[in-house]
Amino acid sequence: MIFSLQSFYVAASVAALIQWLRLRDGRLLALLLLFLSLAVAHHQQDWYAARPYHFAAGLAGLVLLVMLGRPSR
């Protein structure tokens, strides 16, 4: 069963993928990874099973933060 928070992350992932296909900006891949990781994490029944996905989402957020700090080419 998909809950509303999972649906939000899946929809945000689809929007980020469409934007990446349109613009080919690498920063959107980090955003896509963040949203996909959160969608998978919120799909897990057990919090301990979701920990690696939350960790991956946090890491993708940090990568996105570094990528936003430098100018795009």
PDB file of N, CA and C in Angstrom:
ATOM      1  N   MET A   1       0.838  -1.169   0.000  1.00  0.00           N
ATOM      2  CA  MET A   1       0.000   0.000   0.000  1.00  0.00           C
ATOM      3  C   MET A   1       0.891   1.242   0.000  1.00  0.00           C
ATOM      4  N   ILE A   2       0.576   2.182  -0.841  1.00  0.00           N
ATOM      5  CA  ILE A   2       1.348   3.419  -0.921  1.00  0.00           C
ATOM      6  C   ILE A   2       0.623   4.486  -0.117  1.00  0.00           C
ATOM      7  N   PHE A   3       1.333   5.097   0.812  1.00  0.00           N
ATOM      8  CA  PHE A   3       0.769   6.151   1.631  1.00  0.00           C
ATOM      9  C   PHE A   3       1.073   7.511   1.019  1.00  0.00           C
ATOM     10  N   SER A   4       0.503   8.542   1.562  1.00  0.00           N
ATOM     11  CA  SER A   4       0.613   9.865   0.948  1.00  0.00           C
ATOM     12  C   SER A   4       2.058  10.377   0.915  1.00  0.00           C
ATOM     13  N   LEU A   5       2.845  10.099   1.959  1.00  0.00           N
ATOM     14  CA  LEU A   5       4.223  10.575   1.967  1.00  0.00           C
ATOM     15  C   LEU A   5       5.050   9.848   0.907  1.00  0.00           C
ATOM     16  N   GLN A   6       4.816   8.563   0.752  1.00  0.00           N
ATOM     17  CA  GLN A   6       5.506   7.820  -0.305  1.00  0.00           C
ATOM     18  C   GLN A   6       5.100   8.352  -1.673  1.00  0.00           C
ATOM     19  N   SER A   7       3.838   8.646  -1.839  1.00  0.00           N
ATOM     20  CA  SER A   7       3.358   9.171  -3.116  1.00  0.00           C
ATOM     21  C   SER A   7       4.008  10.503  -3.440  1.00  0.00           C
ATOM     22  N   PHE A   8       4.197  11.340  -2.408  1.00  0.00           N
ATOM     23  CA  PHE A   8       4.858  12.622  -2.625  1.00  0.00           C
ATOM     24  C   PHE A   8       6.280  12.415  -3.119  1.00  0.00           C
ATOM     25  N   TYR A   9       7.028  11.499  -2.488  1.00  0.00           N
ATOM     26  CA  TYR A   9       8.414  11.273  -2.886  1.00  0.00           C
ATOM     27  C   TYR A   9       8.505  10.640  -4.268  1.00  0.00           C
ATOM     28  N   VAL A  10       7.570   9.774  -4.611  1.00  0.00           N
ATOM     29  CA  VAL A  10       7.564   9.182  -5.951  1.00  0.00           C
ATOM     30  C   VAL A  10       7.252  10.262  -6.994  1.00  0.00           C
ATOM     31  N   ALA A  11       6.273  11.117  -6.704  1.00  0.00           N
ATOM     32  CA  ALA A  11       5.934  12.199  -7.643  1.00  0.00           C
ATOM     33  C   ALA A  11       7.090  13.183  -7.784  1.00  0.00           C
ATOM     34  N   ALA A  12       7.765  13.497  -6.685  1.00  0.00           N
ATOM     35  CA  ALA A  12       8.917  14.394  -6.754  1.00  0.00           C
ATOM     36  C   ALA A  12      10.049  13.753  -7.552  1.00  0.00           C
ATOM     37  N   SER A  13      10.210  12.441  -7.431  1.00  0.00           N
ATOM     38  CA  SER A  13      11.231  11.729  -8.209  1.00  0.00           C
ATOM     39  C   SER A  13      10.918  11.786  -9.696  1.00  0.00           C
ATOM     40  N   VAL A  14       9.668  11.597 -10.042  1.00  0.00           N
ATOM     41  CA  VAL A  14       9.268  11.658 -11.456  1.00  0.00           C
ATOM     42  C   VAL A  14       9.488  13.066 -12.003  1.00  0.00           C
ATOM     43  N   ALA A  15       9.149  14.080 -11.219  1.00  0.00           N
ATOM     44  CA  ALA A  15       9.360  15.461 -11.665  1.00  0.00           C
ATOM     45  C   ALA A  15      10.844  15.759 -11.838  1.00  0.00           C
ATOM     46  N   ALA A  16      11.675  15.280 -10.913  1.00  0.00           N
ATOM     47  CA  ALA A  16      13.119  15.499 -11.037  1.00  0.00           C
ATOM     48  C   ALA A  16      13.676  14.754 -12.247  1.00  0.00           C
ATOM     49  N   LEU A  17      13.179  13.555 -12.513  1.00  0.00           N
ATOM     50  CA  LEU A  17      13.633  12.799 -13.682  1.00  0.00           C
ATOM     51  C   LEU A  17      13.256  13.507 -14.973  1.00  0.00           C
ATOM     52  N   ILE A  18      12.045  14.021 -15.048  1.00  0.00           N
ATOM     53  CA  ILE A  18      11.617  14.749 -16.248  1.00  0.00           C
ATOM     54  C   ILE A  18      12.472  15.995 -16.454  1.00  0.00           C
ATOM     55  N   GLN A  19      12.754  16.717 -15.381  1.00  0.00           N
ATOM     56  CA  GLN A  19      13.604  17.897 -15.499  1.00  0.00           C
ATOM     57  C   GLN A  19      15.021  17.528 -15.913  1.00  0.00           C
ATOM     58  N   TRP A  20      15.519  16.401 -15.385  1.00  0.00           N
ATOM     59  CA  TRP A  20      16.869  15.977 -15.781  1.00  0.00           C
ATOM     60  C   TRP A  20      16.905  15.607 -17.260  1.00  0.00           C
ATOM     61  N   LEU A  21      15.876  14.911 -17.742  1.00  0.00           N
ATOM     62  CA  LEU A  21      15.826  14.565 -19.160  1.00  0.00           C
ATOM     63  C   LEU A  21      15.744  15.808 -20.029  1.00  0.00           C
ATOM     64  N   ARG A  22      15.122  16.846 -19.521  1.00  0.00           N
ATOM     65  CA  ARG A  22      14.968  18.080 -20.282  1.00  0.00           C
ATOM     66  C   ARG A  22      16.231  18.931 -20.243  1.00  0.00           C
ATOM     67  N   LEU A  23      16.878  19.030 -19.078  1.00  0.00           N
ATOM     68  CA  LEU A  23      17.996  19.961 -18.907  1.00  0.00           C
ATOM     69  C   LEU A  23      19.372  19.306 -18.881  1.00  0.00           C
ATOM     70  N   ARG A  24      19.434  18.026 -18.526  1.00  0.00           N
ATOM     71  CA  ARG A  24      20.713  17.292 -18.407  1.00  0.00           C
ATOM     72  C   ARG A  24      21.669  17.961 -17.427  1.00  0.00           C
ATOM     73  N   ASP A  25      21.126  18.423 -16.305  1.00  0.00           N
ATOM     74  CA  ASP A  25      21.934  19.041 -15.257  1.00  0.00           C
ATOM     75  C   ASP A  25      22.220  17.979 -14.195  1.00  0.00           C
ATOM     76  N   GLY A  26      23.484  17.787 -13.885  1.00  0.00           N
ATOM     77  CA  GLY A  26      23.884  16.747 -12.943  1.00  0.00           C
ATOM     78  C   GLY A  26      23.358  16.944 -11.537  1.00  0.00           C
ATOM     79  N   ARG A  27      23.056  18.187 -11.177  1.00  0.00           N
ATOM     80  CA  ARG A  27      22.523  18.446  -9.849  1.00  0.00           C
ATOM     81  C   ARG A  27      21.157  17.813  -9.657  1.00  0.00           C
ATOM     82  N   LEU A  28      20.437  17.650 -10.736  1.00  0.00           N
ATOM     83  CA  LEU A  28      19.123  17.025 -10.635  1.00  0.00           C
ATOM     84  C   LEU A  28      19.231  15.530 -10.346  1.00  0.00           C
ATOM     85  N   LEU A  29      20.350  14.910 -10.702  1.00  0.00           N
ATOM     86  CA  LEU A  29      20.537  13.499 -10.369  1.00  0.00           C
ATOM     87  C   LEU A  29      20.685  13.294  -8.869  1.00  0.00           C
ATOM     88  N   ALA A  30      21.381  14.212  -8.213  1.00  0.00           N
ATOM     89  CA  ALA A  30      21.497  14.125  -6.752  1.00  0.00           C
ATOM     90  C   ALA A  30      20.130  14.327  -6.099  1.00  0.00           C
ATOM     91  N   LEU A  31      19.346  15.242  -6.630  1.00  0.00           N
ATOM     92  CA  LEU A  31      17.997  15.461  -6.104  1.00  0.00           C
ATOM     93  C   LEU A  31      17.116  14.235  -6.351  1.00  0.00           C
ATOM     94  N   LEU A  32      17.252  13.636  -7.518  1.00  0.00           N
ATOM     95  CA  LEU A  32      16.507  12.427  -7.833  1.00  0.00           C
ATOM     96  C   LEU A  32      16.881  11.290  -6.890  1.00  0.00           C
ATOM     97  N   LEU A  33      18.160  11.119  -6.622  1.00  0.00           N
ATOM     98  CA  LEU A  33      18.605  10.092  -5.690  1.00  0.00           C
ATOM     99  C   LEU A  33      18.064  10.345  -4.288  1.00  0.00           C
ATOM    100  N   LEU A  34      18.033  11.594  -3.873  1.00  0.00           N
ATOM    101  CA  LEU A  34      17.492  11.938  -2.565  1.00  0.00           C
ATOM    102  C   LEU A  34      16.029  11.536  -2.464  1.00  0.00           C
ATOM    103  N   PHE A  35      15.231  11.909  -3.438  1.00  0.00           N
ATOM    104  CA  PHE A  35      13.804  11.587  -3.397  1.00  0.00           C
ATOM    105  C   PHE A  35      13.551  10.091  -3.516  1.00  0.00           C
ATOM    106  N   LEU A  36      14.304   9.401  -4.369  1.00  0.00           N
ATOM    107  CA  LEU A  36      14.112   7.956  -4.495  1.00  0.00           C
ATOM    108  C   LEU A  36      14.509   7.222  -3.220  1.00  0.00           C
ATOM    109  N   SER A  37      15.574   7.661  -2.592  1.00  0.00           N
ATOM    110  CA  SER A  37      15.988   7.036  -1.336  1.00  0.00           C
ATOM    111  C   SER A  37      14.933   7.226  -0.255  1.00  0.00           C
ATOM    112  N   LEU A  38      14.356   8.401  -0.186  1.00  0.00           N
ATOM    113  CA  LEU A  38      13.311   8.643   0.802  1.00  0.00           C
ATOM    114  C   LEU A  38      12.043   7.858   0.492  1.00  0.00           C
ATOM    115  N   ALA A  39      11.725   7.698  -0.777  1.00  0.00           N
ATOM    116  CA  ALA A  39      10.547   6.905  -1.141  1.00  0.00           C
ATOM    117  C   ALA A  39      10.729   5.447  -0.725  1.00  0.00           C
ATOM    118  N   VAL A  40      11.916   4.899  -0.971  1.00  0.00           N
ATOM    119  CA  VAL A  40      12.181   3.515  -0.581  1.00  0.00           C
ATOM    120  C   VAL A  40      12.212   3.387   0.939  1.00  0.00           C
ATOM    121  N   ALA A  41      12.791   4.364   1.615  1.00  0.00           N
ATOM    122  CA  ALA A  41      12.868   4.319   3.076  1.00  0.00           C
ATOM    123  C   ALA A  41      11.477   4.345   3.700  1.00  0.00           C
ATOM    124  N   HIS A  42      10.595   5.150   3.153  1.00  0.00           N
ATOM    125  CA  HIS A  42       9.244   5.228   3.715  1.00  0.00           C
ATOM    126  C   HIS A  42       8.376   4.047   3.304  1.00  0.00           C
ATOM    127  N   HIS A  43       8.846   3.256   2.391  1.00  0.00           N
ATOM    128  CA  HIS A  43       8.124   2.041   2.001  1.00  0.00           C
ATOM    129  C   HIS A  43       8.433   0.872   2.941  1.00  0.00           C
ATOM    130  N   GLN A  44       9.538   0.942   3.648  1.00  0.00           N
ATOM    131  CA  GLN A  44       9.943  -0.129   4.561  1.00  0.00           C
ATOM    132  C   GLN A  44       9.012  -0.172   5.768  1.00  0.00           C
ATOM    133  N   GLN A  45       8.721  -1.370   6.235  1.00  0.00           N
ATOM    134  CA  GLN A  45       7.862  -1.532   7.404  1.00  0.00           C
ATOM    135  C   GLN A  45       8.629  -1.286   8.697  1.00  0.00           C
ATOM    136  N   ASP A  46       9.878  -1.687   8.720  1.00  0.00           N
ATOM    137  CA  ASP A  46      10.702  -1.588   9.917  1.00  0.00           C
ATOM    138  C   ASP A  46      11.642  -0.399   9.790  1.00  0.00           C
ATOM    139  N   TRP A  47      11.786   0.360  10.882  1.00  0.00           N
ATOM    140  CA  TRP A  47      12.653   1.525  10.841  1.00  0.00           C
ATOM    141  C   TRP A  47      14.103   1.118  10.647  1.00  0.00           C
ATOM    142  N   TYR A  48      14.486  -0.007  11.231  1.00  0.00           N
ATOM    143  CA  TYR A  48      15.874  -0.446  11.093  1.00  0.00           C
ATOM    144  C   TYR A  48      16.189  -0.873   9.657  1.00  0.00           C
ATOM    145  N   ALA A  49      15.217  -1.391   8.952  1.00  0.00           N
ATOM    146  CA  ALA A  49      15.429  -1.729   7.542  1.00  0.00           C
ATOM    147  C   ALA A  49      15.526  -0.480   6.674  1.00  0.00           C
ATOM    148  N   ALA A  50      14.943   0.615   7.138  1.00  0.00           N
ATOM    149  CA  ALA A  50      14.941   1.864   6.367  1.00  0.00           C
ATOM    150  C   ALA A  50      16.182   2.707   6.623  1.00  0.00           C
ATOM    151  N   ARG A  51      16.970   2.380   7.638  1.00  0.00           N
ATOM    152  CA  ARG A  51      18.128   3.198   7.997  1.00  0.00           C
ATOM    153  C   ARG A  51      19.119   3.412   6.860  1.00  0.00           C
ATOM    154  N   PRO A  52      19.487   2.382   6.089  1.00  0.00           N
ATOM    155  CA  PRO A  52      20.438   2.633   4.989  1.00  0.00           C
ATOM    156  C   PRO A  52      19.894   3.598   3.934  1.00  0.00           C
ATOM    157  N   TYR A  53      18.588   3.553   3.710  1.00  0.00           N
ATOM    158  CA  TYR A  53      17.995   4.443   2.716  1.00  0.00           C
ATOM    159  C   TYR A  53      17.932   5.881   3.227  1.00  0.00           C
ATOM    160  N   HIS A  54      17.675   6.047   4.518  1.00  0.00           N
ATOM    161  CA  HIS A  54      17.724   7.390   5.101  1.00  0.00           C
ATOM    162  C   HIS A  54      19.154   7.926   5.067  1.00  0.00           C
ATOM    163  N   PHE A  55      20.117   7.057   5.323  1.00  0.00           N
ATOM    164  CA  PHE A  55      21.516   7.456   5.243  1.00  0.00           C
ATOM    165  C   PHE A  55      21.871   7.873   3.812  1.00  0.00           C
ATOM    166  N   ALA A  56      21.412   7.099   2.824  1.00  0.00           N
ATOM    167  CA  ALA A  56      21.672   7.441   1.419  1.00  0.00           C
ATOM    168  C   ALA A  56      21.014   8.768   1.051  1.00  0.00           C
ATOM    169  N   ALA A  57      19.822   9.028   1.582  1.00  0.00           N
ATOM    170  CA  ALA A  57      19.141  10.299   1.307  1.00  0.00           C
ATOM    171  C   ALA A  57      19.924  11.462   1.907  1.00  0.00           C
ATOM    172  N   GLY A  58      20.422  11.273   3.113  1.00  0.00           N
ATOM    173  CA  GLY A  58      21.227  12.327   3.731  1.00  0.00           C
ATOM    174  C   GLY A  58      22.514  12.585   2.977  1.00  0.00           C
ATOM    175  N   LEU A  59      23.137  11.515   2.517  1.00  0.00           N
ATOM    176  CA  LEU A  59      24.364  11.653   1.730  1.00  0.00           C
ATOM    177  C   LEU A  59      24.080  12.349   0.404  1.00  0.00           C
ATOM    178  N   ALA A  60      22.967  12.002  -0.245  1.00  0.00           N
ATOM    179  CA  ALA A  60      22.599  12.667  -1.497  1.00  0.00           C
ATOM    180  C   ALA A  60      22.312  14.146  -1.255  1.00  0.00           C
ATOM    181  N   GLY A  61      21.725  14.469  -0.114  1.00  0.00           N
ATOM    182  CA  GLY A  61      21.485  15.866   0.224  1.00  0.00           C
ATOM    183  C   GLY A  61      22.775  16.637   0.407  1.00  0.00           C
ATOM    184  N   LEU A  62      23.768  16.005   1.041  1.00  0.00           N
ATOM    185  CA  LEU A  62      25.061  16.663   1.201  1.00  0.00           C
ATOM    186  C   LEU A  62      25.768  16.856  -0.138  1.00  0.00           C
ATOM    187  N   VAL A  63      25.675  15.860  -1.005  1.00  0.00           N
ATOM    188  CA  VAL A  63      26.262  15.985  -2.347  1.00  0.00           C
ATOM    189  C   VAL A  63      25.573  17.113  -3.111  1.00  0.00           C
ATOM    190  N   LEU A  64      24.257  17.192  -2.980  1.00  0.00           N
ATOM    191  CA  LEU A  64      23.516  18.266  -3.635  1.00  0.00           C
ATOM    192  C   LEU A  64      23.937  19.624  -3.096  1.00  0.00           C
ATOM    193  N   LEU A  65      24.164  19.697  -1.799  1.00  0.00           N
ATOM    194  CA  LEU A  65      24.604  20.951  -1.203  1.00  0.00           C
ATOM    195  C   LEU A  65      25.957  21.382  -1.760  1.00  0.00           C
ATOM    196  N   VAL A  66      26.882  20.442  -1.912  1.00  0.00           N
ATOM    197  CA  VAL A  66      28.183  20.761  -2.496  1.00  0.00           C
ATOM    198  C   VAL A  66      28.045  21.162  -3.957  1.00  0.00           C
ATOM    199  N   MET A  67      27.188  20.467  -4.685  1.00  0.00           N
ATOM    200  CA  MET A  67      27.003  20.778  -6.100  1.00  0.00           C
ATOM    201  C   MET A  67      26.337  22.142  -6.309  1.00  0.00           C
ATOM    202  N   LEU A  68      25.493  22.540  -5.398  1.00  0.00           N
ATOM    203  CA  LEU A  68      24.847  23.845  -5.528  1.00  0.00           C
ATOM    204  C   LEU A  68      25.788  24.979  -5.186  1.00  0.00           C
ATOM    205  N   GLY A  69      26.840  24.685  -4.451  1.00  0.00           N
ATOM    206  CA  GLY A  69      27.797  25.712  -4.067  1.00  0.00           C
ATOM    207  C   GLY A  69      28.718  26.139  -5.187  1.00  0.00           C
ATOM    208  N   ARG A  70      28.854  25.329  -6.210  1.00  0.00           N
ATOM    209  CA  ARG A  70      29.716  25.706  -7.324  1.00  0.00           C
ATOM    210  C   ARG A  70      28.870  26.029  -8.555  1.00  0.00           C
ATOM    211  N   PRO A  71      29.351  26.882  -9.414  1.00  0.00           N
ATOM    212  CA  PRO A  71      28.556  27.281 -10.587  1.00  0.00           C
ATOM    213  C   PRO A  71      28.395  26.126 -11.580  1.00  0.00           C
ATOM    214  N   SER A  72      27.254  26.095 -12.240  1.00  0.00           N
ATOM    215  CA  SER A  72      27.015  25.051 -13.242  1.00  0.00           C
ATOM    216  C   SER A  72      27.765  25.394 -14.524  1.00  0.00           C
ATOM    217  N   ARG A  73      28.086  24.383 -15.296  1.00  0.00           N
ATOM    218  CA  ARG A  73      28.841  24.579 -16.542  1.00  0.00           C
ATOM    219  C   ARG A  73      27.936  24.498 -17.725  1.00  0.00           C
TER     220      ARG A  73
END
